[in-house]
Amino acid sequence: MIFPAVWRILPGPAWLRVLFVLLIIAAVVGALFQWVYPWFSVTFDIEEASVEAVP
């Protein structure tokens, strides 16, 4: 699993490792909202998609 590998790599006591993991998660989420999701929206034009009801 990836989490035990990341846990072993991080320095310091457990509370500092938890802080690092939270910062890493926040950075990944921030990068997704800043660059990945806008690029995906423009590239695949998902705003124009619609679903019609079938009678």
N, C-alpha and C. Protein backbone atom coordinates (compact mmCIF):
# COMPACT_ATOMS: atom_id res chain seq x y z
N MET A 1 0.83 -1.19 0.00
CA MET A 1 0.00 0.00 0.00
C MET A 1 0.86 1.24 0.00
N ILE A 2 0.31 2.33 -0.47
CA ILE A 2 1.08 3.56 -0.58
C ILE A 2 1.19 4.27 0.78
N PHE A 3 0.15 4.23 1.59
CA PHE A 3 0.19 4.97 2.84
C PHE A 3 1.28 4.50 3.80
N PRO A 4 1.49 3.20 4.00
CA PRO A 4 2.60 2.79 4.88
C PRO A 4 3.96 3.23 4.33
N ALA A 5 4.12 3.25 3.02
CA ALA A 5 5.38 3.70 2.44
C ALA A 5 5.60 5.18 2.71
N VAL A 6 4.54 5.98 2.55
CA VAL A 6 4.64 7.42 2.84
C VAL A 6 4.90 7.63 4.33
N TRP A 7 4.24 6.85 5.17
CA TRP A 7 4.41 6.99 6.62
C TRP A 7 5.86 6.72 7.03
N ARG A 8 6.50 5.71 6.41
CA ARG A 8 7.89 5.41 6.74
C ARG A 8 8.85 6.49 6.25
N ILE A 9 8.53 7.14 5.14
CA ILE A 9 9.41 8.15 4.56
C ILE A 9 9.39 9.45 5.36
N LEU A 10 8.24 9.80 5.92
CA LEU A 10 8.10 11.07 6.62
C LEU A 10 8.93 11.09 7.91
N PRO A 11 9.59 12.22 8.16
CA PRO A 11 10.43 12.32 9.37
C PRO A 11 9.63 12.73 10.60
N GLY A 12 10.19 12.51 11.76
CA GLY A 12 9.65 13.03 13.00
C GLY A 12 8.73 12.08 13.74
N PRO A 13 8.20 12.58 14.87
CA PRO A 13 7.27 11.77 15.66
C PRO A 13 5.91 11.66 14.96
N ALA A 14 5.03 10.88 15.55
CA ALA A 14 3.74 10.58 14.92
C ALA A 14 2.91 11.84 14.69
N TRP A 15 2.88 12.76 15.66
CA TRP A 15 2.06 13.96 15.48
C TRP A 15 2.56 14.82 14.33
N LEU A 16 3.87 14.84 14.11
CA LEU A 16 4.42 15.61 13.00
C LEU A 16 4.13 14.92 11.67
N ARG A 17 4.16 13.60 11.67
CA ARG A 17 3.82 12.85 10.46
C ARG A 17 2.37 13.09 10.07
N VAL A 18 1.48 13.11 11.06
CA VAL A 18 0.06 13.38 10.79
C VAL A 18 -0.09 14.77 10.19
N LEU A 19 0.62 15.73 10.73
CA LEU A 19 0.58 17.10 10.19
C LEU A 19 1.08 17.13 8.75
N PHE A 20 2.18 16.43 8.46
CA PHE A 20 2.69 16.36 7.09
C PHE A 20 1.69 15.72 6.14
N VAL A 21 1.06 14.64 6.59
CA VAL A 21 0.07 13.95 5.74
C VAL A 21 -1.10 14.88 5.44
N LEU A 22 -1.57 15.61 6.45
CA LEU A 22 -2.66 16.55 6.22
C LEU A 22 -2.26 17.66 5.25
N LEU A 23 -1.04 18.15 5.38
CA LEU A 23 -0.55 19.17 4.46
C LEU A 23 -0.42 18.63 3.03
N ILE A 24 0.02 17.41 2.90
CA ILE A 24 0.13 16.79 1.58
C ILE A 24 -1.25 16.62 0.95
N ILE A 25 -2.22 16.18 1.73
CA ILE A 25 -3.58 16.02 1.21
C ILE A 25 -4.15 17.37 0.80
N ALA A 26 -3.94 18.39 1.62
CA ALA A 26 -4.42 19.73 1.28
C ALA A 26 -3.76 20.25 0.00
N ALA A 27 -2.47 19.98 -0.18
CA ALA A 27 -1.78 20.41 -1.39
C ALA A 27 -2.31 19.69 -2.63
N VAL A 28 -2.59 18.41 -2.50
CA VAL A 28 -3.12 17.65 -3.64
C VAL A 28 -4.51 18.16 -4.01
N VAL A 29 -5.36 18.36 -3.02
CA VAL A 29 -6.71 18.87 -3.29
C VAL A 29 -6.64 20.28 -3.89
N GLY A 30 -5.76 21.11 -3.37
CA GLY A 30 -5.59 22.45 -3.92
C GLY A 30 -5.12 22.43 -5.36
N ALA A 31 -4.18 21.55 -5.67
CA ALA A 31 -3.70 21.43 -7.05
C ALA A 31 -4.80 20.94 -7.97
N LEU A 32 -5.61 20.00 -7.50
CA LEU A 32 -6.73 19.53 -8.31
C LEU A 32 -7.69 20.66 -8.64
N PHE A 33 -8.07 21.45 -7.64
CA PHE A 33 -9.01 22.54 -7.88
C PHE A 33 -8.38 23.68 -8.68
N GLN A 34 -7.10 23.91 -8.54
CA GLN A 34 -6.44 25.01 -9.22
C GLN A 34 -6.13 24.71 -10.68
N TRP A 35 -5.65 23.50 -10.98
CA TRP A 35 -5.19 23.23 -12.33
C TRP A 35 -5.90 22.08 -13.03
N VAL A 36 -6.15 20.98 -12.35
CA VAL A 36 -6.66 19.78 -13.02
C VAL A 36 -8.12 19.93 -13.39
N TYR A 37 -8.99 20.31 -12.47
CA TYR A 37 -10.41 20.40 -12.77
C TYR A 37 -10.73 21.47 -13.82
N PRO A 38 -10.13 22.67 -13.76
CA PRO A 38 -10.40 23.64 -14.84
C PRO A 38 -9.92 23.13 -16.21
N TRP A 39 -8.76 22.50 -16.25
CA TRP A 39 -8.27 21.94 -17.53
C TRP A 39 -9.23 20.88 -18.04
N PHE A 40 -9.69 20.00 -17.17
CA PHE A 40 -10.61 18.93 -17.56
C PHE A 40 -11.93 19.52 -18.09
N SER A 41 -12.43 20.54 -17.42
CA SER A 41 -13.69 21.16 -17.82
C SER A 41 -13.58 21.79 -19.21
N VAL A 42 -12.48 22.48 -19.47
CA VAL A 42 -12.30 23.12 -20.77
C VAL A 42 -12.02 22.08 -21.85
N THR A 43 -11.22 21.09 -21.55
CA THR A 43 -10.83 20.10 -22.54
C THR A 43 -11.99 19.22 -22.97
N PHE A 44 -12.80 18.78 -22.04
CA PHE A 44 -13.87 17.84 -22.35
C PHE A 44 -15.24 18.47 -22.45
N ASP A 45 -15.36 19.78 -22.19
CA ASP A 45 -16.59 20.55 -22.36
C ASP A 45 -17.79 19.84 -21.72
N ILE A 46 -17.70 19.58 -20.43
CA ILE A 46 -18.75 18.84 -19.75
C ILE A 46 -19.93 19.73 -19.37
N GLU A 47 -19.82 21.05 -19.51
CA GLU A 47 -20.91 21.95 -19.14
C GLU A 47 -22.07 21.87 -20.13
N GLU A 48 -21.81 21.43 -21.35
CA GLU A 48 -22.85 21.36 -22.38
C GLU A 48 -23.59 20.04 -22.40
N ALA A 49 -23.23 19.12 -21.57
CA ALA A 49 -23.87 17.81 -21.56
C ALA A 49 -25.25 17.91 -20.92
N SER A 50 -26.20 17.22 -21.49
CA SER A 50 -27.54 17.18 -20.92
C SER A 50 -28.15 15.80 -21.15
N VAL A 51 -29.08 15.48 -20.29
CA VAL A 51 -29.78 14.21 -20.39
C VAL A 51 -31.25 14.51 -20.55
N GLU A 52 -31.85 13.92 -21.59
CA GLU A 52 -33.27 14.15 -21.83
C GLU A 52 -34.08 12.99 -21.28
N ALA A 53 -35.24 13.32 -20.75
CA ALA A 53 -36.13 12.28 -20.23
C ALA A 53 -36.85 11.59 -21.38
N VAL A 54 -36.94 10.29 -21.29
CA VAL A 54 -37.64 9.51 -22.31
C VAL A 54 -39.05 9.25 -21.82
N PRO A 55 -40.07 9.66 -22.62
CA PRO A 55 -41.46 9.47 -22.15
C PRO A 55 -41.88 8.03 -22.15
